[in-house]
Amino acid sequence: MEEKLDVIVIAPHPDDAELGMGGAILKMLGRGLKVGILDLTSGEPTPFGSPEIRKAETEAASKVLGVTWRRNLGLPNRSLEATLEARKKLAIVFRETHPDWIFAPYWVDAHPDHVAATQLVEQARFWSKLSKTDMPGERFHPKRIFNYYCVHLKMHAQPAFVLDISDQWEAKRQSIECYHSQFVQGREDLDPPFIKQLEYEAAYWGKSIGVKYGEPFTSREPIGLSGLGGLV
């Protein structure tokens, strides 16, 4: 029997979850939610990586975050598509883990894998509730899809909400730095360094809501509130 999750974060590649919403993952885990990460591909090939290196980096990052449920769906990097086969594989994960909330990348991006990932998530969410199917697991429909920003376009996000991650930034930074082959190696000449650029972005979103660091999120569907107590 697969472990039941409250939240599942869908990442096109290992490191996207940490980049886009590492702070939110830490915050949800800190509040006792069961949070899992599903990487859709290995992320390879890359200039300085390998499947073995990426696997070790992902394990290290997961340890920093405190994530104990992390899987890889084994779909093809660089040619990710929302095929029927991939849809079924992901729908089965939803049927087995029963997450109330799904987090997926923002649906507009220059990276085709990111666009395909979100299409796949939306389609698999629908399929996971089907009856009279050969898919294993109980039919299930996740309540919400939220979208995190990990985009390759030079764009200004228009988020539906910004989450205060001031207390989580340091651990988020450490989790990203675990991916040395992606964000340190080959980027030594960047000024400011890549991780410092991410800090500036987090500080910008934090300033937008009056805190030190923030992460932006959005959703295609309206976001309902049961009260105003959680507003910053």
Protein backbone atom coordinates (compact mmCIF):
# COMPACT_ATOMS: atom_id res chain seq x y z
CA MET A 1 0.00 0.00 0.00
CA GLU A 2 1.43 3.37 -1.05
CA GLU A 3 1.79 6.03 1.65
CA LYS A 4 -1.00 8.61 1.70
CA LEU A 5 0.09 12.22 1.19
CA ASP A 6 -1.49 15.57 2.00
CA VAL A 7 0.52 17.36 -0.69
CA ILE A 8 2.46 16.24 -3.74
CA VAL A 9 4.84 18.54 -5.60
CA ILE A 10 5.30 17.65 -9.26
CA ALA A 11 8.71 18.66 -10.62
CA PRO A 12 9.70 18.27 -14.29
CA HIS A 13 13.30 17.71 -13.19
CA PRO A 14 15.10 17.13 -9.90
CA ASP A 15 15.81 20.61 -8.42
CA ASP A 16 12.66 22.33 -9.75
CA ALA A 17 10.74 21.68 -6.53
CA GLU A 18 13.55 23.19 -4.44
CA LEU A 19 13.92 26.21 -6.73
CA GLY A 20 10.23 26.98 -7.04
CA MET A 21 8.89 26.17 -3.60
CA GLY A 22 11.54 24.80 -1.27
CA GLY A 23 10.38 27.24 1.40
CA ALA A 24 6.76 26.17 1.10
CA ILE A 25 7.76 22.50 1.34
CA LEU A 26 9.67 23.21 4.54
CA LYS A 27 6.80 25.25 5.94
CA MET A 28 4.19 22.57 5.22
CA LEU A 29 6.36 19.82 6.66
CA GLY A 30 6.90 21.97 9.74
CA ARG A 31 3.15 22.10 10.25
CA GLY A 32 2.85 18.34 10.16
CA LEU A 33 1.62 17.85 6.60
CA LYS A 34 2.77 14.80 4.67
CA VAL A 35 4.53 16.27 1.62
CA GLY A 36 5.98 14.27 -1.24
CA ILE A 37 7.95 15.24 -4.35
CA LEU A 38 7.51 13.45 -7.66
CA ASP A 39 10.25 14.21 -10.19
CA LEU A 40 9.00 13.39 -13.67
CA THR A 41 12.44 12.92 -15.29
CA SER A 42 16.05 12.36 -14.31
CA GLY A 43 17.00 15.80 -15.61
CA GLU A 44 19.83 14.29 -17.63
CA PRO A 45 21.80 14.89 -19.79
CA THR A 46 23.27 18.17 -18.55
CA PRO A 47 26.78 19.61 -19.08
CA PHE A 48 28.21 18.61 -15.70
CA GLY A 49 25.73 16.03 -14.46
CA SER A 50 25.09 12.33 -14.82
CA PRO A 51 22.26 10.08 -13.62
CA GLU A 52 24.42 9.01 -10.68
CA ILE A 53 25.37 12.57 -9.75
CA ARG A 54 21.80 13.83 -10.01
CA LYS A 55 20.52 10.95 -7.89
CA ALA A 56 23.03 11.72 -5.14
CA GLU A 57 22.26 15.45 -5.30
CA THR A 58 18.53 14.79 -5.10
CA GLU A 59 18.96 12.54 -2.07
CA ALA A 60 21.06 15.21 -0.35
CA ALA A 61 18.52 17.95 -1.09
CA SER A 62 15.65 15.79 0.13
CA LYS A 63 17.51 15.22 3.38
CA VAL A 64 17.96 18.97 3.88
CA LEU A 65 14.26 19.56 3.30
CA GLY A 66 13.23 16.62 5.47
CA VAL A 67 11.23 15.01 2.66
CA THR A 68 10.86 11.26 3.18
CA TRP A 69 8.61 10.51 0.16
CA ARG A 70 10.28 11.23 -3.16
CA ARG A 71 9.88 9.29 -6.39
CA ASN A 72 10.91 9.61 -10.02
CA LEU A 73 8.37 8.74 -12.72
CA GLY A 74 11.12 7.95 -15.25
CA LEU A 75 9.78 10.01 -18.14
CA PRO A 76 12.19 11.30 -20.84
CA ASN A 77 14.07 14.50 -20.13
CA ARG A 78 14.10 17.15 -22.91
CA SER A 79 11.21 15.40 -24.67
CA LEU A 80 8.60 15.27 -21.94
CA GLU A 81 5.10 15.07 -23.41
CA ALA A 82 1.61 14.74 -21.97
CA THR A 83 1.03 11.38 -23.62
CA LEU A 84 -1.68 8.89 -22.68
CA GLU A 85 0.94 6.56 -21.23
CA ALA A 86 2.46 9.31 -19.06
CA ARG A 87 -1.01 10.48 -18.01
CA LYS A 88 -1.87 7.00 -16.81
CA LYS A 89 1.38 6.67 -14.85
CA LEU A 90 0.79 9.94 -13.04
CA ALA A 91 -2.91 9.28 -12.44
CA ILE A 92 -1.97 6.01 -10.74
CA VAL A 93 0.31 7.92 -8.37
CA PHE A 94 -2.57 10.23 -7.46
CA ARG A 95 -4.91 7.25 -6.94
CA GLU A 96 -2.38 5.58 -4.66
CA THR A 97 -1.29 8.60 -2.60
CA HIS A 98 -4.56 10.63 -2.43
CA PRO A 99 -3.03 14.13 -2.17
CA ASP A 100 -5.49 16.93 -1.39
CA TRP A 101 -3.17 19.50 -2.94
CA ILE A 102 -0.99 19.23 -6.04
CA PHE A 103 1.70 21.77 -6.87
CA ALA A 104 2.79 22.04 -10.50
CA PRO A 105 4.94 24.51 -12.49
CA TYR A 106 3.46 27.71 -13.85
CA TRP A 107 1.84 26.86 -17.17
CA VAL A 108 3.67 29.47 -19.31
CA ASP A 109 7.36 28.84 -19.83
CA ALA A 110 10.10 28.72 -22.45
CA HIS A 111 11.06 25.21 -21.32
CA PRO A 112 8.83 22.70 -23.14
CA ASP A 113 9.25 20.15 -20.33
CA HIS A 114 7.71 22.57 -17.82
CA VAL A 115 4.74 23.32 -20.05
CA ALA A 116 4.19 19.61 -20.73
CA ALA A 117 4.48 18.80 -17.02
CA THR A 118 1.61 21.08 -16.10
CA GLN A 119 -0.56 19.80 -18.95
CA LEU A 120 0.17 16.30 -17.73
CA VAL A 121 -0.73 17.15 -14.13
CA GLU A 122 -4.07 18.67 -15.09
CA GLN A 123 -4.97 15.70 -17.30
CA ALA A 124 -3.85 13.09 -14.78
CA ARG A 125 -5.83 14.81 -12.03
CA PHE A 126 -8.96 14.29 -14.14
CA TRP A 127 -8.09 10.70 -15.00
CA SER A 128 -7.41 9.77 -11.38
CA LYS A 129 -11.14 9.97 -10.60
CA LEU A 130 -12.21 7.61 -13.39
CA SER A 131 -14.16 4.45 -12.63
CA LYS A 132 -14.32 1.31 -14.82
CA THR A 133 -10.62 1.50 -15.59
CA ASP A 134 -7.67 -0.88 -15.44
CA MET A 135 -5.71 1.65 -13.35
CA PRO A 136 -4.92 0.33 -9.86
CA GLY A 137 -5.83 2.24 -6.74
CA GLU A 138 -9.03 3.90 -5.59
CA ARG A 139 -10.59 6.57 -7.79
CA PHE A 140 -9.64 9.94 -6.34
CA HIS A 141 -9.83 13.60 -7.33
CA PRO A 142 -7.27 15.98 -5.73
CA LYS A 143 -8.99 19.12 -4.44
CA ARG A 144 -6.56 21.78 -5.60
CA ILE A 145 -3.79 22.48 -8.08
CA PHE A 146 -1.48 25.36 -7.19
CA ASN A 147 1.30 26.58 -9.46
CA TYR A 148 4.79 27.58 -8.42
CA TYR A 149 7.15 29.77 -10.45
CA CYS A 150 10.30 28.10 -11.76
CA VAL A 151 10.36 29.62 -15.22
CA HIS A 152 12.93 30.25 -17.92
CA LEU A 153 11.21 33.30 -19.38
CA LYS A 154 12.25 36.82 -18.43
CA MET A 155 8.83 37.65 -17.10
CA HIS A 156 7.25 39.38 -14.14
CA ALA A 157 4.99 36.99 -12.27
CA GLN A 158 1.49 38.04 -11.28
CA PRO A 159 0.91 35.67 -8.36
CA ALA A 160 -2.37 34.94 -6.63
CA PHE A 161 -0.55 34.87 -3.30
CA VAL A 162 2.94 35.13 -1.83
CA LEU A 163 4.00 32.85 1.02
CA ASP A 164 6.25 34.13 3.80
CA ILE A 165 9.35 31.88 3.83
CA SER A 166 11.58 34.12 5.92
CA ASP A 167 12.26 31.38 8.47
CA GLN A 168 12.74 28.75 5.76
CA TRP A 169 15.06 30.59 3.37
CA GLU A 170 18.33 29.31 4.81
CA ALA A 171 17.30 25.65 4.54
CA LYS A 172 15.89 26.27 1.06
CA ARG A 173 19.24 27.77 0.03
CA GLN A 174 21.09 24.75 1.39
CA SER A 175 18.82 22.36 -0.50
CA ILE A 176 19.46 24.19 -3.79
CA GLU A 177 23.21 24.19 -3.20
CA CYS A 178 23.07 20.39 -3.02
CA TYR A 179 22.68 20.51 -6.83
CA HIS A 180 26.31 21.47 -7.34
CA SER A 181 26.43 20.17 -10.91
CA GLN A 182 23.56 22.45 -11.90
CA PHE A 183 23.99 25.69 -9.97
CA VAL A 184 27.66 25.93 -8.99
CA GLN A 185 29.76 24.03 -11.51
CA GLY A 186 30.07 26.01 -14.74
CA ARG A 187 28.51 29.11 -13.18
CA GLU A 188 31.58 30.36 -11.32
CA ASP A 189 31.78 33.54 -13.41
CA LEU A 190 28.22 34.70 -12.73
CA ASP A 191 28.01 38.06 -11.02
CA PRO A 192 26.11 37.99 -8.77
CA PRO A 193 26.37 34.24 -8.14
CA PHE A 194 23.31 32.20 -9.06
CA ILE A 195 22.28 31.52 -5.47
CA LYS A 196 22.55 35.23 -4.68
CA GLN A 197 20.22 35.97 -7.60
CA LEU A 198 17.69 33.59 -6.08
CA GLU A 199 18.03 35.35 -2.75
CA TYR A 200 17.34 38.70 -4.42
CA GLU A 201 14.19 37.24 -5.98
CA ALA A 202 13.02 35.84 -2.65
CA ALA A 203 13.72 39.19 -1.01
CA TYR A 204 11.73 40.98 -3.71
CA TRP A 205 8.69 38.78 -3.09
CA GLY A 206 9.16 39.14 0.63
CA LYS A 207 9.20 42.92 0.33
CA SER A 208 5.95 42.77 -1.65
CA ILE A 209 4.17 41.42 1.45
CA GLY A 210 6.24 43.17 4.11
CA VAL A 211 8.49 40.27 5.17
CA LYS A 212 12.10 39.28 4.51
CA TYR A 213 11.65 36.45 1.98
CA GLY A 214 8.70 35.13 -0.02
CA GLU A 215 7.65 32.63 -2.68
CA PRO A 216 4.94 33.45 -5.26
CA PHE A 217 2.15 31.06 -6.27
CA THR A 218 -0.89 31.13 -8.50
CA SER A 219 -3.76 28.90 -9.67
CA ARG A 220 -6.05 28.61 -12.67
CA GLU A 221 -8.96 28.07 -10.27
CA PRO A 222 -10.32 30.53 -7.69
CA ILE A 223 -8.74 30.23 -4.25
CA GLY A 224 -11.31 30.05 -1.48
CA LEU A 225 -10.70 31.27 2.07
CA SER A 226 -12.51 30.11 5.19
CA GLY A 227 -11.31 33.23 7.02
CA LEU A 228 -8.79 36.04 6.99
CA GLY A 229 -6.70 34.86 9.94
CA GLY A 230 -3.86 33.58 7.79
CA LEU A 231 -3.28 36.81 5.89
CA VAL A 232 0.03 38.59 6.44
